[in-house]
């Protein structure tokens, strides 16, 4: 298909997982009613963002993938004829956990999962306490409507991840996300951080000539020390913003993408043609020391 309609569900979360799941499903239904064919949910949408503290009790939030949530979403996908991109806390085995996104095709078929490769460890984002880095590599999923590449939140900052996923044939890059501002920060710092976050992802769209869809959560959680900044967006293969969500409201939006444009962008800006793959071996080093 050349034209694909993507749905974004930007929402706040509560402690009750059933409420969060039902809210997400309602968002999917609204997006589908407005023509969405692929719907992306935000990172770890079934719970509060629990990584703000290191607490062993939070491991009880994890589930198998496929498992109960993917089963519920598979029925929704089948009923509505939509692809669903769903970010979940995966329990792989006893004592082994991942930050994982499942992809469900429009007929309800579970297509597979991507495990987050880059795991942050910052104040209020203590993900290394919970998640083992992904070991499935980068992934592209051939859905009914498009080949989708999925990366997760902290992966957003790494051009290597988007490039590899694009080279695997992704038509669209999706980024389920959970990122926000410390409430102690000043407004200028907040603005600079958000702009950096948006710019780096739009640069992935430009460098690879394909659309980027980023879906973030919104609102205050836990003790209110972190405000998730929303700002979900869609950019085309030239980095042009086609949709930008607010910083403080729950929003469900559908955006139409013309996938034929990617060929046009890549012809006129032939970055893939001009890549010097023979010169890139140093990128595999941690740092290029003078020695």
Protein backbone atom coordinates (compact mmCIF):
# COMPACT_ATOMS: atom_id res chain seq x y z
CA UNK A 1 0.00 0.00 0.00
CA UNK A 2 1.22 3.49 -0.76
CA UNK A 3 -0.96 5.44 1.68
CA UNK A 4 -1.20 4.29 5.29
CA UNK A 5 -3.05 5.87 8.18
CA UNK A 6 -1.28 5.63 11.53
CA UNK A 7 -2.90 6.20 14.91
CA UNK A 8 -1.18 7.58 18.01
CA UNK A 9 -2.63 7.12 21.50
CA UNK A 10 -1.05 9.57 23.96
CA UNK A 11 -2.44 8.95 27.44
CA UNK A 12 -1.82 9.21 31.16
CA UNK A 13 -1.62 6.09 33.30
CA UNK A 14 -2.85 5.01 36.73
CA UNK A 15 -1.81 2.27 39.13
CA UNK A 16 -4.68 0.02 37.99
CA UNK A 17 -3.49 -2.02 35.02
CA UNK A 18 -7.01 -2.93 33.89
CA UNK A 19 -7.99 0.74 33.70
CA UNK A 20 -4.87 1.48 31.64
CA UNK A 21 -5.47 -1.42 29.27
CA UNK A 22 -9.10 -0.45 28.77
CA UNK A 23 -8.13 3.17 28.16
CA UNK A 24 -5.60 2.06 25.55
CA UNK A 25 -8.18 -0.18 23.87
CA UNK A 26 -10.65 2.71 23.80
CA UNK A 27 -7.95 4.84 22.17
CA UNK A 28 -7.34 2.14 19.56
CA UNK A 29 -11.08 2.00 18.84
CA UNK A 30 -11.25 5.78 18.40
CA UNK A 31 -8.23 5.71 16.07
CA UNK A 32 -9.71 2.84 14.05
CA UNK A 33 -13.06 4.65 13.77
CA UNK A 34 -11.11 7.55 12.25
CA UNK A 35 -9.46 5.32 9.68
CA UNK A 36 -6.26 4.22 11.42
CA UNK A 37 -4.68 1.06 10.02
CA UNK A 38 -1.66 0.92 12.35
CA UNK A 39 -1.97 2.10 15.96
CA UNK A 40 0.99 2.68 18.26
CA UNK A 41 0.71 2.85 22.05
CA UNK A 42 3.21 4.51 24.38
CA UNK A 43 6.00 2.75 26.27
CA UNK A 44 4.87 0.49 29.16
CA UNK A 45 1.28 1.65 28.78
CA UNK A 46 -0.32 -0.88 31.15
CA UNK A 47 1.22 0.62 34.29
CA UNK A 48 2.65 3.71 35.87
CA UNK A 49 6.24 4.35 34.82
CA UNK A 50 7.66 2.28 37.67
CA UNK A 51 11.33 2.82 36.80
CA UNK A 52 11.41 6.08 38.74
CA UNK A 53 12.45 3.99 41.77
CA UNK A 54 14.26 0.70 42.34
CA UNK A 55 11.61 -1.52 43.92
CA UNK A 56 11.60 -5.32 43.73
CA UNK A 57 7.80 -5.37 43.99
CA UNK A 58 7.56 -3.87 40.53
CA UNK A 59 8.83 -7.07 38.94
CA UNK A 60 5.34 -8.41 39.64
CA UNK A 61 4.08 -6.15 36.85
CA UNK A 62 5.90 -8.18 34.20
CA UNK A 63 4.20 -10.74 31.97
CA UNK A 64 5.04 -13.21 29.25
CA UNK A 65 4.97 -12.15 25.60
CA UNK A 66 2.86 -13.48 24.02
CA UNK A 67 0.65 -13.48 27.07
CA UNK A 68 -2.54 -12.02 28.54
CA UNK A 69 -2.16 -8.49 27.20
CA UNK A 70 -1.22 -9.55 23.68
CA UNK A 71 -4.17 -11.97 23.71
CA UNK A 72 -6.55 -9.14 24.61
CA UNK A 73 -5.06 -6.86 21.97
CA UNK A 74 -5.10 -9.59 19.32
CA UNK A 75 -8.87 -9.75 19.61
CA UNK A 76 -9.10 -5.96 19.29
CA UNK A 77 -6.79 -5.99 16.26
CA UNK A 78 -8.87 -8.69 14.58
CA UNK A 79 -12.18 -7.04 15.36
CA UNK A 80 -11.05 -3.64 14.06
CA UNK A 81 -8.70 -4.79 11.27
CA UNK A 82 -5.82 -2.72 12.68
CA UNK A 83 -2.16 -3.41 13.40
CA UNK A 84 -1.26 -2.74 17.06
CA UNK A 85 2.19 -1.83 18.38
CA UNK A 86 2.18 -2.49 22.13
CA UNK A 87 5.02 -1.83 24.58
CA UNK A 88 5.10 -4.18 27.60
CA UNK A 89 7.22 -5.29 30.57
CA UNK A 90 8.31 -8.80 29.58
CA UNK A 91 9.10 -11.61 31.97
CA UNK A 92 11.24 -13.90 29.86
CA UNK A 93 12.22 -16.31 32.64
CA UNK A 94 12.63 -16.26 36.38
CA UNK A 95 14.90 -13.31 37.13
CA UNK A 96 15.12 -12.23 33.46
CA UNK A 97 13.14 -9.25 32.25
CA UNK A 98 13.02 -7.01 29.17
CA UNK A 99 11.42 -3.79 27.98
CA UNK A 100 9.65 -5.21 24.95
CA UNK A 101 7.25 -4.18 22.21
CA UNK A 102 4.90 -6.69 20.62
CA UNK A 103 3.51 -6.27 17.10
CA UNK A 104 0.08 -7.69 16.28
CA UNK A 105 -1.16 -7.85 12.70
CA UNK A 106 -4.60 -6.70 11.54
CA UNK A 107 -6.00 -10.24 11.63
CA UNK A 108 -4.94 -10.65 15.26
CA UNK A 109 -1.78 -12.62 14.51
CA UNK A 110 1.10 -12.05 16.91
CA UNK A 111 4.01 -11.24 14.58
CA UNK A 112 6.79 -11.05 17.13
CA UNK A 113 8.60 -8.69 19.47
CA UNK A 114 11.43 -6.22 19.70
CA UNK A 115 13.43 -5.97 22.92
CA UNK A 116 14.79 -2.54 23.80
CA UNK A 117 18.51 -2.46 23.03
CA UNK A 118 19.64 0.72 24.80
CA UNK A 119 18.81 0.80 28.52
CA UNK A 120 19.16 4.11 30.41
CA UNK A 121 20.15 4.69 34.01
CA UNK A 122 19.38 8.25 35.07
CA UNK A 123 17.64 9.84 38.05
CA UNK A 124 13.98 8.71 37.93
CA UNK A 125 14.80 6.44 34.94
CA UNK A 126 16.43 3.46 36.65
CA UNK A 127 15.79 1.02 33.84
CA UNK A 128 19.00 -0.96 34.26
CA UNK A 129 17.60 -2.21 37.57
CA UNK A 130 14.70 -3.85 35.73
CA UNK A 131 15.63 -4.58 32.13
CA UNK A 132 18.20 -6.79 30.43
CA UNK A 133 19.34 -5.25 27.11
CA UNK A 134 17.65 -6.73 24.08
CA UNK A 135 19.24 -9.71 22.37
CA UNK A 136 16.99 -10.07 19.32
CA UNK A 137 18.76 -7.38 17.33
CA UNK A 138 16.85 -4.77 15.36
CA UNK A 139 13.56 -5.86 13.88
CA UNK A 140 11.20 -5.12 11.02
CA UNK A 141 7.69 -6.58 10.95
CA UNK A 142 5.79 -7.15 7.72
CA UNK A 143 2.22 -6.21 8.57
CA UNK A 144 -0.86 -6.07 6.39
CA UNK A 145 -0.36 -2.37 5.71
CA UNK A 146 3.40 -1.70 5.85
CA UNK A 147 6.78 -2.94 7.03
CA UNK A 148 7.15 -1.38 10.44
CA UNK A 149 10.38 -0.87 12.32
CA UNK A 150 10.05 -0.60 16.09
CA UNK A 151 12.52 1.00 18.50
CA UNK A 152 11.84 2.04 22.10
CA UNK A 153 12.43 5.35 23.90
CA UNK A 154 16.17 5.52 24.77
CA UNK A 155 16.85 3.90 21.39
CA UNK A 156 15.70 7.25 19.97
CA UNK A 157 19.04 8.89 20.62
CA UNK A 158 21.08 6.43 18.55
CA UNK A 159 21.28 6.99 14.79
CA UNK A 160 22.86 3.54 14.43
CA UNK A 161 19.60 1.91 15.56
CA UNK A 162 17.39 3.85 13.17
CA UNK A 163 19.82 3.34 10.27
CA UNK A 164 20.02 -0.42 10.73
CA UNK A 165 16.24 -0.70 11.05
CA UNK A 166 15.76 1.38 7.91
CA UNK A 167 18.31 -0.73 6.03
CA UNK A 168 16.25 -3.79 6.96
CA UNK A 169 13.43 -2.37 4.86
CA UNK A 170 11.25 -0.50 7.35
CA UNK A 171 8.65 1.75 5.72
CA UNK A 172 7.99 3.60 9.00
CA UNK A 173 9.91 3.91 12.27
CA UNK A 174 7.79 3.73 15.44
CA UNK A 175 9.08 4.86 18.85
CA UNK A 176 6.91 4.02 21.88
CA UNK A 177 8.21 6.36 24.57
CA UNK A 178 8.08 7.39 28.23
CA UNK A 179 10.03 10.58 28.81
CA UNK A 180 9.39 13.70 30.85
CA UNK A 181 10.66 16.69 32.76
CA UNK A 182 11.81 16.83 36.35
CA UNK A 183 9.38 19.23 38.00
CA UNK A 184 12.31 21.00 39.66
CA UNK A 185 13.64 22.22 36.29
CA UNK A 186 13.21 25.68 34.82
CA UNK A 187 11.14 26.24 31.70
CA UNK A 188 14.13 26.96 29.44
CA UNK A 189 15.74 23.63 30.34
CA UNK A 190 12.44 21.87 29.72
CA UNK A 191 12.13 23.46 26.29
CA UNK A 192 15.72 22.60 25.35
CA UNK A 193 15.29 18.97 26.37
CA UNK A 194 12.06 18.51 24.44
CA UNK A 195 13.47 20.19 21.34
CA UNK A 196 16.54 17.91 21.44
CA UNK A 197 14.29 14.86 21.76
CA UNK A 198 12.16 15.87 18.80
CA UNK A 199 15.07 17.03 16.63
CA UNK A 200 17.07 13.80 16.97
CA UNK A 201 14.08 11.73 15.88
CA UNK A 202 13.22 14.01 12.99
CA UNK A 203 16.86 13.70 11.92
CA UNK A 204 16.38 9.92 11.72
CA UNK A 205 13.49 10.54 9.33
CA UNK A 206 15.66 12.80 7.17
CA UNK A 207 18.74 10.56 7.19
CA UNK A 208 16.71 7.51 6.19
CA UNK A 209 14.01 9.11 4.06
CA UNK A 210 11.13 7.45 5.92
CA UNK A 211 8.45 8.66 8.35
CA UNK A 212 8.95 8.59 12.11
CA UNK A 213 6.08 8.14 14.59
CA UNK A 214 6.85 8.88 18.24
CA UNK A 215 4.23 8.21 20.94
CA UNK A 216 4.87 9.48 24.46
CA UNK A 217 2.86 9.34 27.68
CA UNK A 218 1.59 12.48 29.39
CA UNK A 219 0.91 13.80 32.88
CA UNK A 220 2.21 13.47 36.43
CA UNK A 221 2.83 10.08 37.98
CA UNK A 222 3.87 8.68 41.35
CA UNK A 223 4.96 11.49 43.68
CA UNK A 224 4.71 14.19 41.02
CA UNK A 225 8.47 14.61 40.65
CA UNK A 226 8.25 13.83 36.95
CA UNK A 227 5.90 15.29 34.37
CA UNK A 228 5.74 13.25 31.18
CA UNK A 229 5.85 15.78 28.39
CA UNK A 230 3.58 14.22 25.78
CA UNK A 231 4.48 15.99 22.56
CA UNK A 232 3.90 12.88 20.46
CA UNK A 233 4.47 13.58 16.78
CA UNK A 234 4.66 12.31 13.22
CA UNK A 235 7.36 13.48 10.80
CA UNK A 236 7.64 12.60 7.13
CA UNK A 237 10.81 11.49 5.36
CA UNK A 238 12.02 15.09 5.10
CA UNK A 239 11.53 15.64 8.80
CA UNK A 240 8.44 17.82 8.29
CA UNK A 241 6.01 17.68 11.22
CA UNK A 242 2.67 16.28 10.10
CA UNK A 243 1.23 16.18 13.62
CA UNK A 244 2.30 17.45 17.04
CA UNK A 245 0.47 16.63 20.26
CA UNK A 246 0.18 18.87 23.30
CA UNK A 247 2.38 18.59 26.38
CA UNK A 248 -0.48 18.17 28.85
CA UNK A 249 -3.48 16.42 27.30
CA UNK A 250 -4.49 12.91 26.38
CA UNK A 251 -4.88 12.75 22.61
CA UNK A 252 -5.71 10.18 19.98
CA UNK A 253 -4.79 11.22 16.46
CA UNK A 254 -4.72 9.66 13.00
CA UNK A 255 -2.22 10.79 10.37
CA UNK A 256 -2.07 9.66 6.75
CA UNK A 257 1.37 8.83 5.35
CA UNK A 258 2.27 8.58 1.69
CA UNK A 259 4.90 5.84 1.60
CA UNK A 260 5.64 6.50 -2.08
CA UNK A 261 7.29 9.73 -0.98
CA UNK A 262 10.19 7.79 0.54
CA UNK A 263 11.47 6.88 -2.92
CA UNK A 264 11.22 10.52 -3.98
CA UNK A 265 13.07 11.72 -0.88
CA UNK A 266 15.81 9.13 -1.32
CA UNK A 267 16.26 9.98 -5.01
CA UNK A 268 16.65 13.70 -4.37
CA UNK A 269 18.64 13.27 -1.14
CA UNK A 270 20.60 10.11 -1.99
CA UNK A 271 22.11 9.44 1.42
CA UNK A 272 21.81 5.67 1.02
CA UNK A 273 23.53 5.80 -2.36
CA UNK A 274 26.46 7.82 -1.06
CA UNK A 275 27.13 5.88 2.11
CA UNK A 276 30.80 4.86 2.40
CA UNK A 277 30.22 1.49 4.02
CA UNK A 278 33.89 0.63 3.50
CA UNK A 279 34.87 3.39 5.95
CA UNK A 280 32.52 2.74 8.87
CA UNK A 281 34.33 0.01 10.80
CA UNK A 282 35.52 2.49 13.50
CA UNK A 283 31.89 2.98 14.56
CA UNK A 284 32.07 -0.39 16.30
CA UNK A 285 34.63 0.96 18.77
CA UNK A 286 33.58 2.40 22.15
CA UNK A 287 35.85 5.41 21.55
CA UNK A 288 38.55 6.12 19.01
CA UNK A 289 41.63 6.80 21.14
CA UNK A 290 44.69 8.39 19.59
CA UNK A 291 46.72 5.31 20.49
